[in-house]
Amino acid sequence: VSDTSGELPVILGQTVSWHFSDVAGAFSFTVHVLVSDTLTDGEEIINQATLEYAVDTWPVWDGGIAIFTSTVAAPVLDVSKDVDEITASPGEVLVYTITVENTGNAAATTVWINDTLPAAVMFLSENSGAIFTRSGQDLYWEMSLAPGAIVVIDVEVRIDVSTVAGTVLVNTVSIEWTNSYVIYGPLQDVAATTVQNM
């Protein structure tokens, strides 16, 4: 907690108090607080200010109560992974589709997507248009996502011709994201294809 009152506050739990002497006329000050990262999108923060005052030292008068309600806005992301073929032959091309949606009321200023390809496939292409890097079988994207926005990425791969029938190719996607203050996630989803004889 910090403020611009110029007076040293007394803090007891969630209650912060100030004592001012010889107040003449109207005045105001600002209080800064840190919002807990455990609050979720749509939760309300209710702040109550109570004023008491006295002329000389007695009696103490009730100056009333002011209440202000803020609503938490946070990015809420969901990820899904699909594949166009649940069974396929060696040498065949598969298309994996990654879908990420922000259902929250705030932007995800940075979204990190990591897609791990099965060992028995060869990467061919991706169509995101976002910042993209690749290291072996790991694919990485970085982007921002506004409230209500959806991004769909198609990844094209080819199954190795030497892959044994019965092999299950499991592709895993994982995401993390931030609003510049809190890092959320990770969330994961998978898609699987079983290799069959040609």
Protein backbone atom coordinates (compact mmCIF):
# COMPACT_ATOMS: atom_id res chain seq x y z
CA VAL A 1 0.00 0.00 0.00
CA SER A 2 1.20 3.51 -0.79
CA ASP A 3 -0.56 6.88 -0.77
CA THR A 4 -0.13 10.57 -1.45
CA SER A 5 -1.58 11.84 1.86
CA GLY A 6 1.71 12.85 3.43
CA GLU A 7 0.63 11.14 6.66
CA LEU A 8 1.85 7.79 7.99
CA PRO A 9 -1.03 5.28 7.80
CA VAL A 10 -1.91 2.64 10.38
CA ILE A 11 -2.42 -0.77 8.75
CA LEU A 12 -4.37 -3.48 10.55
CA GLY A 13 -5.04 -6.43 8.23
CA GLN A 14 -7.01 -5.07 5.28
CA THR A 15 -7.90 -1.81 7.04
CA VAL A 16 -5.77 1.30 6.48
CA SER A 17 -6.36 4.40 8.61
CA TRP A 18 -5.06 7.98 8.50
CA HIS A 19 -5.33 10.75 11.11
CA PHE A 20 -5.25 14.36 9.97
CA SER A 21 -5.08 17.38 12.24
CA ASP A 22 -6.41 20.87 11.54
CA VAL A 23 -8.04 20.16 8.19
CA ALA A 24 -9.24 23.32 6.48
CA GLY A 25 -11.39 23.06 3.37
CA ALA A 26 -11.59 20.16 0.96
CA PHE A 27 -8.65 17.94 0.16
CA SER A 28 -8.03 14.54 -1.42
CA PHE A 29 -5.30 11.94 -1.74
CA THR A 30 -4.67 8.77 -3.72
CA VAL A 31 -4.12 5.26 -2.38
CA HIS A 32 -2.29 2.62 -4.45
CA VAL A 33 -2.84 -1.10 -3.80
CA LEU A 34 -1.68 -4.28 -5.51
CA VAL A 35 -4.47 -6.53 -6.79
CA SER A 36 -4.04 -10.15 -5.71
CA ASP A 37 -3.08 -12.55 -8.51
CA THR A 38 -5.53 -15.10 -7.07
CA LEU A 39 -8.53 -13.06 -8.24
CA THR A 40 -10.23 -14.28 -11.39
CA ASP A 41 -11.85 -12.57 -14.36
CA GLY A 42 -15.17 -10.96 -13.41
CA GLU A 43 -14.62 -10.91 -9.63
CA GLU A 44 -15.52 -7.71 -7.82
CA ILE A 45 -13.21 -5.70 -5.55
CA ILE A 46 -15.23 -3.61 -3.09
CA ASN A 47 -13.44 -0.72 -1.38
CA GLN A 48 -15.13 1.11 1.51
CA ALA A 49 -13.96 4.44 2.93
CA THR A 50 -15.30 5.69 6.26
CA LEU A 51 -14.92 9.26 7.53
CA GLU A 52 -15.08 10.33 11.16
CA TYR A 53 -14.26 13.83 12.40
CA ALA A 54 -14.29 15.98 15.50
CA VAL A 55 -14.28 19.67 16.31
CA ASP A 56 -11.61 20.09 18.97
CA THR A 57 -11.53 16.56 20.42
CA TRP A 58 -15.17 15.73 21.16
CA PRO A 59 -17.67 14.60 20.06
CA VAL A 60 -16.67 12.36 17.12
CA TRP A 61 -19.07 12.77 14.22
CA ASP A 62 -19.94 10.25 11.52
CA GLY A 63 -18.95 11.70 8.16
CA GLY A 64 -20.47 8.86 6.15
CA ILE A 65 -19.29 5.95 4.04
CA ALA A 66 -18.22 5.85 0.39
CA ILE A 67 -18.07 2.57 -1.52
CA PHE A 68 -16.40 1.94 -4.87
CA THR A 69 -16.58 -1.37 -6.74
CA SER A 70 -14.04 -2.48 -9.34
CA THR A 71 -14.35 -5.54 -11.56
CA VAL A 72 -11.29 -7.67 -12.24
CA ALA A 73 -10.45 -8.02 -15.94
CA ALA A 74 -8.10 -10.87 -16.79
CA PRO A 75 -7.25 -12.90 -19.89
CA VAL A 76 -8.81 -16.37 -19.80
CA LEU A 77 -7.40 -18.68 -22.48
CA ASP A 78 -8.36 -22.10 -23.75
CA VAL A 79 -6.42 -24.33 -26.14
CA SER A 80 -7.43 -27.30 -28.25
CA LYS A 81 -5.50 -29.60 -30.59
CA ASP A 82 -7.03 -31.61 -33.48
CA VAL A 83 -5.64 -33.80 -36.25
CA ASP A 84 -7.27 -34.44 -39.61
CA GLU A 85 -6.63 -38.22 -39.56
CA ILE A 86 -6.97 -40.55 -36.56
CA THR A 87 -5.47 -43.39 -38.64
CA ALA A 88 -2.86 -42.89 -41.35
CA SER A 89 -0.20 -44.73 -43.34
CA PRO A 90 3.59 -44.27 -43.37
CA GLY A 91 4.52 -41.40 -45.72
CA GLU A 92 1.12 -39.75 -45.37
CA VAL A 93 0.74 -36.03 -44.58
CA LEU A 94 -1.09 -35.00 -41.39
CA VAL A 95 -2.48 -31.58 -40.52
CA TYR A 96 -2.56 -30.63 -36.84
CA THR A 97 -4.82 -27.70 -35.91
CA ILE A 98 -4.14 -25.63 -32.78
CA THR A 99 -6.92 -23.30 -31.62
CA VAL A 100 -6.38 -20.73 -28.87
CA GLU A 101 -9.22 -18.48 -27.66
CA ASN A 102 -9.29 -15.62 -25.15
CA THR A 103 -12.69 -15.70 -23.40
CA GLY A 104 -11.62 -13.20 -20.73
CA ASN A 105 -12.18 -9.45 -20.47
CA ALA A 106 -8.53 -8.40 -20.79
CA ALA A 107 -5.84 -8.88 -23.40
CA ALA A 108 -3.19 -11.54 -23.10
CA THR A 109 -0.25 -9.28 -23.88
CA THR A 110 1.96 -12.29 -24.60
CA VAL A 111 0.93 -15.86 -25.37
CA TRP A 112 3.56 -18.59 -25.58
CA ILE A 113 2.60 -21.73 -27.53
CA ASN A 114 4.78 -24.86 -27.54
CA ASP A 115 3.85 -27.75 -29.82
CA THR A 116 5.83 -30.99 -29.48
CA LEU A 117 5.67 -33.18 -32.59
CA PRO A 118 5.95 -36.97 -32.44
CA ALA A 119 9.42 -38.33 -33.19
CA ALA A 120 8.16 -40.24 -36.23
CA VAL A 121 6.98 -37.20 -38.23
CA MET A 122 8.80 -34.56 -40.26
CA PHE A 123 7.75 -30.91 -40.00
CA LEU A 124 6.63 -29.41 -43.32
CA SER A 125 4.93 -26.04 -42.66
CA GLU A 126 2.85 -23.80 -40.40
CA ASN A 127 0.57 -20.88 -41.26
CA SER A 128 0.32 -18.69 -38.14
CA GLY A 129 1.96 -15.50 -39.38
CA ALA A 130 3.12 -14.99 -35.78
CA ILE A 131 6.65 -15.08 -34.33
CA PHE A 132 7.69 -18.69 -34.94
CA THR A 133 10.78 -20.72 -34.07
CA ARG A 134 11.60 -24.41 -34.28
CA SER A 135 14.05 -26.59 -32.38
CA GLY A 136 13.97 -30.22 -33.47
CA GLN A 137 10.45 -31.52 -32.85
CA ASP A 138 9.49 -28.52 -30.70
CA LEU A 139 7.62 -25.64 -32.35
CA TYR A 140 7.25 -22.28 -30.61
CA TRP A 141 4.99 -19.30 -31.26
CA GLU A 142 4.66 -15.95 -29.51
CA MET A 143 1.76 -13.53 -29.97
CA SER A 144 -0.79 -11.31 -28.20
CA LEU A 145 -4.50 -12.09 -27.99
CA ALA A 146 -7.24 -9.49 -27.46
CA PRO A 147 -10.43 -10.26 -25.49
CA GLY A 148 -12.70 -12.46 -27.61
CA ALA A 149 -9.95 -13.19 -30.14
CA ILE A 150 -9.28 -16.65 -31.59
CA VAL A 151 -6.11 -17.81 -33.33
CA VAL A 152 -6.01 -20.99 -35.43
CA ILE A 153 -2.69 -22.51 -36.49
CA ASP A 154 -2.35 -25.40 -38.96
CA VAL A 155 0.83 -27.48 -38.79
CA GLU A 156 1.58 -29.85 -41.66
CA VAL A 157 3.81 -32.90 -41.09
CA ARG A 158 4.71 -36.10 -42.91
CA ILE A 159 4.83 -39.54 -41.25
CA ASP A 160 8.20 -41.27 -41.61
CA VAL A 161 7.95 -44.08 -44.19
CA SER A 162 9.69 -46.49 -41.79
CA THR A 163 7.10 -46.07 -39.03
CA VAL A 164 5.78 -49.43 -37.82
CA ALA A 165 2.06 -50.17 -38.07
CA GLY A 166 0.35 -49.79 -34.69
CA THR A 167 2.55 -46.86 -33.64
CA VAL A 168 0.49 -44.14 -31.96
CA LEU A 169 1.66 -40.64 -32.88
CA VAL A 170 0.86 -38.27 -30.00
CA ASN A 171 1.13 -34.52 -30.58
CA THR A 172 1.05 -32.25 -27.50
CA VAL A 173 0.41 -28.51 -27.38
CA SER A 174 1.00 -26.36 -24.29
CA ILE A 175 0.30 -22.66 -23.69
CA GLU A 176 1.17 -20.03 -21.10
CA TRP A 177 0.17 -16.37 -21.17
CA THR A 178 0.47 -13.07 -19.31
CA ASN A 179 -1.30 -9.74 -18.87
CA SER A 180 2.13 -8.16 -18.18
CA TYR A 181 1.64 -8.70 -14.42
CA VAL A 182 0.75 -12.38 -13.90
CA ILE A 183 1.81 -15.51 -15.81
CA TYR A 184 -1.05 -17.98 -16.29
CA GLY A 185 -1.03 -21.65 -17.28
CA PRO A 186 0.17 -23.98 -18.51
CA LEU A 187 -2.76 -25.55 -20.35
CA GLN A 188 -2.32 -28.60 -22.59
CA ASP A 189 -4.17 -30.67 -25.16
CA VAL A 190 -3.20 -33.65 -27.30
CA ALA A 191 -4.14 -35.26 -30.61
CA ALA A 192 -3.29 -38.83 -31.60
CA THR A 193 -3.02 -40.76 -34.86
CA THR A 194 -2.51 -44.54 -35.14
CA VAL A 195 -0.27 -45.69 -38.00
CA GLN A 196 -1.73 -48.50 -40.11
CA ASN A 197 -0.41 -50.66 -42.96
CA MET A 198 -0.52 -49.12 -46.40
